[in-house]
Amino acid sequence: MLAGEIEARATRISQASNDQIVLATDGVLRWTGDLVGKLVAGDDTLRPRVRVIADEHLTGPARELVQNAARSLAEDPYRKIAGAAVLADRR
């Protein structure tokens, strides 16, 4: 039952539009108020990476769905610039 709910939530996150996933000024990504990831420095200042924050129950294809949704958000041109600015302030 828990595995089914986790997969369903991962699917909903993967189908969420970028305006449904909030990027906070501290680089944290939230979907419906729940923490799903965090921007971390990438190889290029303007290309932050995303680290999915989840427990051990989010694995395999469900984890990939969430990772891809978060990565898509980070690649959004407007948010990418904002995220990079946040990360630059921390250095």
C-alpha atoms as a PDB file:
ATOM      1  CA  MET A   1       0.000   0.000   0.000  1.00  0.00           C
ATOM      2  CA  LEU A   2       2.787   2.456   0.893  1.00  0.00           C
ATOM      3  CA  ALA A   3       4.694   1.627  -2.294  1.00  0.00           C
ATOM      4  CA  GLY A   4       1.601   2.366  -4.387  1.00  0.00           C
ATOM      5  CA  GLU A   5       1.098   5.754  -2.720  1.00  0.00           C
ATOM      6  CA  ILE A   6       4.761   6.669  -3.199  1.00  0.00           C
ATOM      7  CA  GLU A   7       4.575   5.788  -6.894  1.00  0.00           C
ATOM      8  CA  ALA A   8       1.337   7.766  -7.284  1.00  0.00           C
ATOM      9  CA  ARG A   9       2.885  10.835  -5.632  1.00  0.00           C
ATOM     10  CA  ALA A  10       6.010  10.508  -7.787  1.00  0.00           C
ATOM     11  CA  THR A  11       3.805  10.433 -10.880  1.00  0.00           C
ATOM     12  CA  ARG A  12       1.897  13.532  -9.732  1.00  0.00           C
ATOM     13  CA  ILE A  13       5.168  15.368  -9.102  1.00  0.00           C
ATOM     14  CA  SER A  14       6.455  14.390 -12.536  1.00  0.00           C
ATOM     15  CA  GLN A  15       3.280  15.779 -14.121  1.00  0.00           C
ATOM     16  CA  ALA A  16       3.320  19.023 -12.136  1.00  0.00           C
ATOM     17  CA  SER A  17       4.019  22.217 -13.997  1.00  0.00           C
ATOM     18  CA  ASN A  18       7.013  24.301 -12.955  1.00  0.00           C
ATOM     19  CA  ASP A  19       4.737  26.791 -11.221  1.00  0.00           C
ATOM     20  CA  GLN A  20       3.480  24.005  -8.918  1.00  0.00           C
ATOM     21  CA  ILE A  21       6.970  23.298  -7.630  1.00  0.00           C
ATOM     22  CA  VAL A  22       8.241  26.190  -5.569  1.00  0.00           C
ATOM     23  CA  LEU A  23      11.887  27.204  -5.454  1.00  0.00           C
ATOM     24  CA  ALA A  24      12.564  28.974  -2.157  1.00  0.00           C
ATOM     25  CA  THR A  25      15.346  31.496  -1.670  1.00  0.00           C
ATOM     26  CA  ASP A  26      17.363  28.891   0.221  1.00  0.00           C
ATOM     27  CA  GLY A  27      17.419  26.599  -2.850  1.00  0.00           C
ATOM     28  CA  VAL A  28      14.810  24.166  -1.502  1.00  0.00           C
ATOM     29  CA  LEU A  29      12.190  22.759  -3.890  1.00  0.00           C
ATOM     30  CA  ARG A  30       8.686  22.132  -2.523  1.00  0.00           C
ATOM     31  CA  TRP A  31       5.630  20.549  -4.105  1.00  0.00           C
ATOM     32  CA  THR A  32       2.330  21.133  -2.282  1.00  0.00           C
ATOM     33  CA  GLY A  33       4.409  22.222   0.700  1.00  0.00           C
ATOM     34  CA  ASP A  34       6.437  19.009   0.842  1.00  0.00           C
ATOM     35  CA  LEU A  35      10.204  19.105   0.505  1.00  0.00           C
ATOM     36  CA  VAL A  36      11.242  17.265  -2.676  1.00  0.00           C
ATOM     37  CA  GLY A  37      14.722  18.510  -3.471  1.00  0.00           C
ATOM     38  CA  LYS A  38      17.446  21.076  -3.126  1.00  0.00           C
ATOM     39  CA  LEU A  39      19.547  22.946  -5.637  1.00  0.00           C
ATOM     40  CA  VAL A  40      23.241  22.214  -5.279  1.00  0.00           C
ATOM     41  CA  ALA A  41      26.185  23.702  -7.121  1.00  0.00           C
ATOM     42  CA  GLY A  42      26.805  22.210 -10.547  1.00  0.00           C
ATOM     43  CA  ASP A  43      29.862  22.278 -12.778  1.00  0.00           C
ATOM     44  CA  ASP A  44      28.642  25.579 -14.239  1.00  0.00           C
ATOM     45  CA  THR A  45      27.388  28.400 -12.006  1.00  0.00           C
ATOM     46  CA  LEU A  46      24.320  28.864 -14.208  1.00  0.00           C
ATOM     47  CA  ARG A  47      23.494  25.143 -14.186  1.00  0.00           C
ATOM     48  CA  PRO A  48      22.758  24.030 -10.647  1.00  0.00           C
ATOM     49  CA  ARG A  49      22.058  20.368 -10.049  1.00  0.00           C
ATOM     50  CA  VAL A  50      19.145  19.019  -8.054  1.00  0.00           C
ATOM     51  CA  ARG A  51      19.456  16.601  -5.162  1.00  0.00           C
ATOM     52  CA  VAL A  52      16.192  14.763  -4.498  1.00  0.00           C
ATOM     53  CA  ILE A  53      15.428  14.622  -0.797  1.00  0.00           C
ATOM     54  CA  ALA A  54      13.496  11.467   0.008  1.00  0.00           C
ATOM     55  CA  ASP A  55      13.610   8.500   2.296  1.00  0.00           C
ATOM     56  CA  GLU A  56      14.566   4.953   1.348  1.00  0.00           C
ATOM     57  CA  HIS A  57      11.039   4.179   0.090  1.00  0.00           C
ATOM     58  CA  LEU A  58      11.452   6.315  -3.043  1.00  0.00           C
ATOM     59  CA  THR A  59      13.469   4.077  -5.358  1.00  0.00           C
ATOM     60  CA  GLY A  60      13.813   2.980  -8.960  1.00  0.00           C
ATOM     61  CA  PRO A  61      11.478   4.418 -11.593  1.00  0.00           C
ATOM     62  CA  ALA A  62       9.511   6.472  -9.033  1.00  0.00           C
ATOM     63  CA  ARG A  63      12.711   8.205  -7.881  1.00  0.00           C
ATOM     64  CA  GLU A  64      13.677   8.867 -11.510  1.00  0.00           C
ATOM     65  CA  LEU A  65      10.295  10.533 -12.112  1.00  0.00           C
ATOM     66  CA  VAL A  66      10.874  12.915  -9.206  1.00  0.00           C
ATOM     67  CA  GLN A  67      14.511  13.530 -10.238  1.00  0.00           C
ATOM     68  CA  ASN A  68      13.487  14.349 -13.807  1.00  0.00           C
ATOM     69  CA  ALA A  69      10.739  16.728 -12.659  1.00  0.00           C
ATOM     70  CA  ALA A  70      13.144  18.519 -10.328  1.00  0.00           C
ATOM     71  CA  ARG A  71      15.826  18.664 -13.023  1.00  0.00           C
ATOM     72  CA  SER A  72      13.317  20.157 -15.453  1.00  0.00           C
ATOM     73  CA  LEU A  73      12.529  22.858 -12.941  1.00  0.00           C
ATOM     74  CA  ALA A  74      16.210  23.650 -12.448  1.00  0.00           C
ATOM     75  CA  GLU A  75      16.609  23.965 -16.195  1.00  0.00           C
ATOM     76  CA  ASP A  76      13.761  26.464 -16.446  1.00  0.00           C
ATOM     77  CA  PRO A  77      15.652  29.550 -17.664  1.00  0.00           C
ATOM     78  CA  TYR A  78      14.173  31.990 -15.177  1.00  0.00           C
ATOM     79  CA  ARG A  79      14.526  29.763 -12.166  1.00  0.00           C
ATOM     80  CA  LYS A  80      17.970  28.611 -13.238  1.00  0.00           C
ATOM     81  CA  ILE A  81      19.240  32.178 -12.992  1.00  0.00           C
ATOM     82  CA  ALA A  82      17.516  32.708  -9.636  1.00  0.00           C
ATOM     83  CA  GLY A  83      18.881  29.430  -8.282  1.00  0.00           C
ATOM     84  CA  ALA A  84      22.388  30.242  -9.403  1.00  0.00           C
ATOM     85  CA  ALA A  85      22.161  33.623  -7.696  1.00  0.00           C
ATOM     86  CA  VAL A  86      21.110  31.951  -4.450  1.00  0.00           C
ATOM     87  CA  LEU A  87      23.996  29.498  -4.651  1.00  0.00           C
ATOM     88  CA  ALA A  88      26.484  32.279  -5.481  1.00  0.00           C
ATOM     89  CA  ASP A  89      25.431  34.172  -2.364  1.00  0.00           C
ATOM     90  CA  ARG A  90      26.353  31.155  -0.244  1.00  0.00           C
ATOM     91  CA  ARG A  91      29.939  30.889  -1.450  1.00  0.00           C
END
